[in-house]
N, C-alpha and C. Protein backbone atom coordinates (compact mmCIF):
# COMPACT_ATOMS: atom_id res chain seq x y z
N UNK A 1 177.06 85.83 33.35
CA UNK A 1 177.16 85.33 34.86
C UNK A 1 176.75 83.70 34.86
N UNK A 2 178.23 83.57 35.26
CA UNK A 2 178.47 81.88 35.49
C UNK A 2 177.80 81.51 36.85
N UNK A 3 176.46 80.14 36.07
CA UNK A 3 176.24 79.41 36.97
C UNK A 3 177.05 78.88 38.32
N UNK A 4 177.11 78.73 39.31
CA UNK A 4 177.62 78.31 41.01
C UNK A 4 176.48 77.36 41.02
N UNK A 5 176.83 76.22 41.37
CA UNK A 5 176.26 75.22 42.11
C UNK A 5 175.87 75.29 43.37
N UNK A 6 177.90 75.87 43.20
CA UNK A 6 177.88 75.60 45.35
C UNK A 6 176.96 76.32 45.38
N UNK A 7 176.79 78.03 45.18
CA UNK A 7 175.78 78.56 45.77
C UNK A 7 174.42 78.43 45.79
N UNK A 8 174.32 77.69 45.03
CA UNK A 8 172.92 77.24 44.38
C UNK A 8 172.47 76.77 45.37
N UNK A 9 172.98 75.64 45.46
CA UNK A 9 173.21 74.83 46.11
C UNK A 9 172.40 74.83 47.86
N UNK A 10 173.97 75.63 48.48
CA UNK A 10 173.62 76.05 49.59
C UNK A 10 172.21 76.72 49.60
N UNK A 11 172.44 77.43 48.45
CA UNK A 11 170.50 78.24 48.66
C UNK A 11 169.16 77.15 48.92
N UNK A 12 168.97 76.43 47.96
CA UNK A 12 168.37 75.24 48.22
C UNK A 12 168.44 74.53 49.28
N UNK A 13 168.72 73.94 49.80
CA UNK A 13 169.77 73.38 51.00
C UNK A 13 168.55 74.24 51.97
N UNK A 14 168.97 75.64 52.25
CA UNK A 14 168.69 76.28 53.44
C UNK A 14 166.80 76.01 53.64
N UNK A 15 166.47 76.58 52.01
CA UNK A 15 164.86 76.27 51.79
C UNK A 15 164.39 74.86 52.68
N UNK A 16 165.33 74.06 51.63
CA UNK A 16 164.03 72.66 52.54
C UNK A 16 164.44 72.52 53.52
N UNK A 17 165.60 73.00 54.52
CA UNK A 17 165.63 72.31 55.28
C UNK A 17 164.20 72.95 56.00
N UNK A 18 164.03 74.93 55.96
CA UNK A 18 162.58 75.32 56.05
C UNK A 18 161.90 74.01 56.04
N UNK A 19 161.24 74.17 54.80
CA UNK A 19 160.55 73.32 55.03
C UNK A 19 160.60 72.22 55.62
N UNK A 20 161.42 71.27 55.62
CA UNK A 20 161.76 70.16 56.10
C UNK A 20 160.94 70.38 58.24
N UNK A 21 161.40 71.86 58.48
CA UNK A 21 161.11 72.28 59.67
C UNK A 21 159.66 71.80 59.81
N UNK A 22 158.98 72.78 58.84
CA UNK A 22 157.37 73.00 58.52
C UNK A 22 156.49 71.87 59.01
N UNK A 23 157.30 71.15 58.21
CA UNK A 23 156.43 69.87 57.96
C UNK A 23 156.51 68.94 59.28
N UNK A 24 157.42 69.21 60.11
CA UNK A 24 157.97 68.78 61.23
C UNK A 24 158.77 67.45 61.20
N UNK A 25 159.46 67.67 60.34
CA UNK A 25 160.74 66.69 59.48
C UNK A 25 162.01 67.88 61.08
N UNK A 26 163.00 66.83 60.49
CA UNK A 26 163.84 67.36 61.62
C UNK A 26 164.80 67.96 60.02
N UNK A 27 165.48 69.26 59.89
CA UNK A 27 166.07 70.11 59.23
C UNK A 27 167.53 69.13 58.45
N UNK A 28 168.11 68.95 59.85
CA UNK A 28 168.65 68.11 59.15
C UNK A 28 168.92 66.68 59.40
N UNK A 29 168.43 66.18 58.56
CA UNK A 29 168.20 65.09 57.97
C UNK A 29 168.15 64.78 56.57
N UNK A 30 169.17 65.59 56.47
CA UNK A 30 167.88 66.05 54.67
C UNK A 30 169.47 65.11 53.31
N UNK A 31 170.08 65.22 54.21
CA UNK A 31 170.52 64.01 53.06
C UNK A 31 169.90 62.33 53.09
N UNK A 32 169.03 62.04 53.72
CA UNK A 32 168.97 60.71 54.33
C UNK A 32 167.21 60.89 54.32
N UNK A 33 166.94 61.88 54.59
CA UNK A 33 164.87 62.21 53.71
C UNK A 33 164.86 61.44 52.48
N UNK A 34 163.56 61.25 52.18
CA UNK A 34 163.12 61.31 50.81
C UNK A 34 161.95 62.23 50.72
N UNK A 35 162.11 62.16 48.76
CA UNK A 35 160.82 63.06 48.77
C UNK A 35 159.89 62.43 49.06
N UNK A 36 159.83 61.33 49.34
CA UNK A 36 158.17 60.84 49.71
C UNK A 36 158.05 61.17 51.05
N UNK A 37 159.56 60.90 52.02
CA UNK A 37 158.45 60.78 53.16
C UNK A 37 158.90 63.22 53.73
N UNK A 38 158.89 64.01 52.77
CA UNK A 38 158.82 64.98 52.88
C UNK A 38 157.52 65.49 52.21
N UNK A 39 157.43 64.65 51.42
CA UNK A 39 155.84 64.73 50.81
C UNK A 39 154.43 64.27 51.65
N UNK A 40 155.27 63.08 52.21
CA UNK A 40 153.68 62.30 53.10
C UNK A 40 153.45 63.38 53.39
N UNK A 41 154.65 64.09 54.75
CA UNK A 41 154.97 64.72 55.92
C UNK A 41 153.71 66.27 56.10
N UNK A 42 153.90 66.68 54.33
CA UNK A 42 153.57 68.08 53.90
C UNK A 42 151.82 66.99 53.08
N UNK A 43 151.39 66.54 53.50
CA UNK A 43 150.49 66.55 53.08
C UNK A 43 149.21 66.41 53.83
N UNK A 44 149.70 65.52 55.32
CA UNK A 44 149.31 65.12 56.36
C UNK A 44 149.24 66.80 56.52
N UNK A 45 149.11 67.94 56.62
CA UNK A 45 149.12 69.02 56.84
C UNK A 45 147.25 69.68 56.64
N UNK A 46 147.24 70.43 57.69
CA UNK A 46 145.90 70.96 57.51
C UNK A 46 144.65 70.06 56.48
N UNK A 47 144.40 68.41 56.97
CA UNK A 47 143.84 67.93 56.51
C UNK A 47 142.23 67.89 56.70
N UNK A 48 141.71 68.92 55.54
CA UNK A 48 139.95 69.01 56.33
C UNK A 48 138.85 67.65 56.05
N UNK A 49 137.94 68.51 57.19
CA UNK A 49 137.04 67.73 57.89
C UNK A 49 135.74 67.08 56.61
N UNK A 50 135.08 66.10 55.58
CA UNK A 50 134.55 66.48 54.78
C UNK A 50 133.24 66.00 55.37
N UNK A 51 133.13 65.77 55.50
CA UNK A 51 132.09 64.73 56.67
C UNK A 51 131.03 66.06 57.75
N UNK A 52 132.35 66.63 58.32
CA UNK A 52 131.30 67.18 58.94
C UNK A 52 131.66 68.99 58.96
N UNK A 53 132.08 69.45 57.61
CA UNK A 53 131.87 70.66 57.24
C UNK A 53 131.44 71.24 57.38
N UNK A 54 130.90 72.46 57.37
CA UNK A 54 129.43 73.60 57.77
C UNK A 54 129.01 73.95 56.63
N UNK A 55 130.01 73.88 55.00
CA UNK A 55 129.09 75.27 53.97
C UNK A 55 130.32 73.77 52.69
N UNK A 56 129.39 74.11 51.73
CA UNK A 56 129.58 73.58 50.57
C UNK A 56 129.68 74.38 49.55
N UNK A 57 130.01 74.39 48.35
CA UNK A 57 130.40 75.45 47.59
C UNK A 57 130.46 74.86 46.50
N UNK A 58 129.18 74.94 45.41
CA UNK A 58 128.24 74.12 44.58
C UNK A 58 128.86 75.30 43.00
N UNK A 59 129.37 74.34 42.08
CA UNK A 59 129.23 74.50 40.92
C UNK A 59 127.84 74.87 40.34
N UNK A 60 127.75 74.71 38.13
CA UNK A 60 126.83 75.17 37.76
C UNK A 60 125.87 74.00 37.46
N UNK A 61 126.61 72.41 38.17
CA UNK A 61 126.14 71.36 37.35
C UNK A 61 125.81 70.82 38.84
N UNK A 62 125.83 71.27 40.50
CA UNK A 62 125.25 71.10 41.60
C UNK A 62 126.10 69.90 41.99
N UNK A 63 127.66 69.89 40.92
CA UNK A 63 128.18 68.90 41.79
C UNK A 63 130.11 70.03 43.42
N UNK A 64 129.71 69.32 44.20
CA UNK A 64 130.03 69.59 45.50
C UNK A 64 131.35 70.43 44.88
N UNK A 65 131.84 71.24 44.55
CA UNK A 65 133.34 71.73 44.28
C UNK A 65 134.00 70.81 45.45
N UNK A 66 134.46 71.73 46.46
CA UNK A 66 134.81 71.94 48.17
C UNK A 66 134.22 71.74 49.13
N UNK A 67 133.87 70.94 50.04
CA UNK A 67 133.18 71.31 51.23
C UNK A 67 134.66 71.51 51.96
N UNK A 68 133.92 72.88 52.27
CA UNK A 68 134.99 73.72 53.44
C UNK A 68 134.57 74.87 53.85
N UNK A 69 134.51 75.54 54.70
CA UNK A 69 134.65 76.76 54.96
C UNK A 69 135.48 77.62 54.32
N UNK A 70 135.44 78.79 54.50
CA UNK A 70 137.04 79.91 53.52
C UNK A 70 137.94 79.51 54.09
N UNK A 71 137.45 79.29 55.39
CA UNK A 71 139.14 78.74 56.52
C UNK A 71 139.55 77.79 55.92
N UNK A 72 139.21 76.41 55.41
CA UNK A 72 139.41 74.99 55.11
C UNK A 72 140.12 74.86 53.43
N UNK A 73 139.27 76.01 52.67
CA UNK A 73 139.81 76.99 51.60
C UNK A 73 141.15 76.75 51.75
N UNK A 74 141.42 78.04 52.09
CA UNK A 74 142.17 78.55 51.91
C UNK A 74 143.78 77.96 52.73
N UNK A 75 143.15 76.74 54.14
CA UNK A 75 144.77 75.71 54.21
C UNK A 75 144.90 75.27 53.19
N UNK A 76 143.73 74.79 52.94
CA UNK A 76 144.63 73.49 51.78
C UNK A 76 144.54 74.19 50.51
N UNK A 77 145.02 75.42 50.41
CA UNK A 77 145.27 76.10 49.37
C UNK A 77 146.97 76.22 49.23
N UNK A 78 147.00 77.05 51.59
CA UNK A 78 147.90 76.33 51.39
C UNK A 78 149.57 75.62 51.63
N UNK A 79 148.57 74.06 51.87
CA UNK A 79 149.20 72.85 51.88
C UNK A 79 149.63 72.46 49.79
N UNK A 80 148.77 72.99 49.68
CA UNK A 80 149.04 72.65 47.99
C UNK A 80 150.32 73.62 47.61
N UNK A 81 150.16 74.79 47.86
CA UNK A 81 151.93 75.79 47.65
C UNK A 81 152.77 75.56 48.21
N UNK A 82 152.74 74.67 49.22
CA UNK A 82 153.69 74.30 50.22
C UNK A 82 154.66 72.76 49.75
N UNK A 83 153.64 72.02 48.76
CA UNK A 83 153.58 70.32 48.00
C UNK A 83 154.41 71.26 46.98
N UNK A 84 153.92 71.80 46.14
CA UNK A 84 154.97 72.45 44.73
C UNK A 84 156.16 72.97 45.58
N UNK A 85 156.42 73.98 46.27
CA UNK A 85 157.49 74.78 46.36
C UNK A 85 158.22 73.33 46.96
N UNK A 86 158.33 72.38 48.02
CA UNK A 86 158.99 71.42 47.97
C UNK A 86 159.37 71.02 46.72
N UNK A 87 159.18 70.30 45.84
CA UNK A 87 159.08 69.09 44.52
C UNK A 87 159.59 70.09 43.60
N UNK A 88 159.58 71.73 43.67
CA UNK A 88 159.88 72.63 43.14
C UNK A 88 162.16 72.74 43.12
N UNK A 89 161.80 72.69 44.83
CA UNK A 89 163.73 73.00 45.33
C UNK A 89 163.48 71.72 45.15
N UNK A 90 163.45 70.21 45.37
CA UNK A 90 164.01 69.05 45.12
C UNK A 90 164.53 69.52 43.98
N UNK A 91 163.79 69.41 43.16
CA UNK A 91 164.35 69.19 41.12
C UNK A 91 165.51 70.02 41.57
N UNK A 92 165.09 71.25 42.03
CA UNK A 92 166.60 72.14 41.72
C UNK A 92 167.67 71.75 42.58
N UNK A 93 167.37 70.71 43.70
CA UNK A 93 168.60 70.31 44.00
C UNK A 93 169.55 69.30 43.39
N UNK A 94 168.71 68.29 42.80
CA UNK A 94 168.64 67.53 41.71
C UNK A 94 169.93 67.47 41.09
N UNK A 95 169.22 68.73 40.61
CA UNK A 95 169.77 69.69 39.04
C UNK A 95 171.75 70.42 39.78
N UNK A 96 171.66 70.24 40.94
CA UNK A 96 172.60 71.54 41.55
C UNK A 96 173.52 70.46 41.37
N UNK A 97 173.60 69.82 42.37
CA UNK A 97 174.39 68.18 42.54
C UNK A 97 175.28 67.28 41.58
N UNK A 98 173.86 67.26 40.58
CA UNK A 98 174.55 66.51 39.30
C UNK A 98 176.16 67.67 38.66
N UNK A 99 175.21 69.02 38.63
CA UNK A 99 176.28 70.05 38.23
C UNK A 99 177.50 69.91 38.66
N UNK A 100 176.92 69.48 40.20
CA UNK A 100 178.39 70.09 40.89
C UNK A 100 179.11 68.25 40.53
N UNK A 101 178.74 66.86 40.68
CA UNK A 101 179.73 66.26 40.13
C UNK A 101 180.03 65.95 38.96
N UNK A 102 179.35 66.86 38.28
CA UNK A 102 179.83 67.11 36.77
C UNK A 102 182.09 67.54 36.44
N UNK A 103 181.53 68.89 37.80
CA UNK A 103 182.56 69.76 38.49
C UNK A 103 184.42 68.89 38.45
């Protein structure tokens, strides 16, 4: 099966628009937003208040690995996976745009 950059970019842009909506950006502005703006918006989600956290998870050397409740840990990991997927789809979009420009 041959690579179809147009179908690929359509799918990728739908996913990026969904991520933009999730972080509070306008999905219609995909062509004008930068990866830095998108990642900054994603990083601002669910920040953990380490000063007022009620639990600490300690490793064997007694260093705090992560301060927070299990809910905080879950939200932190959700945010990390969101950022990972934004980076992945942004890279795939650049590859598809490059393939379209070569045609």
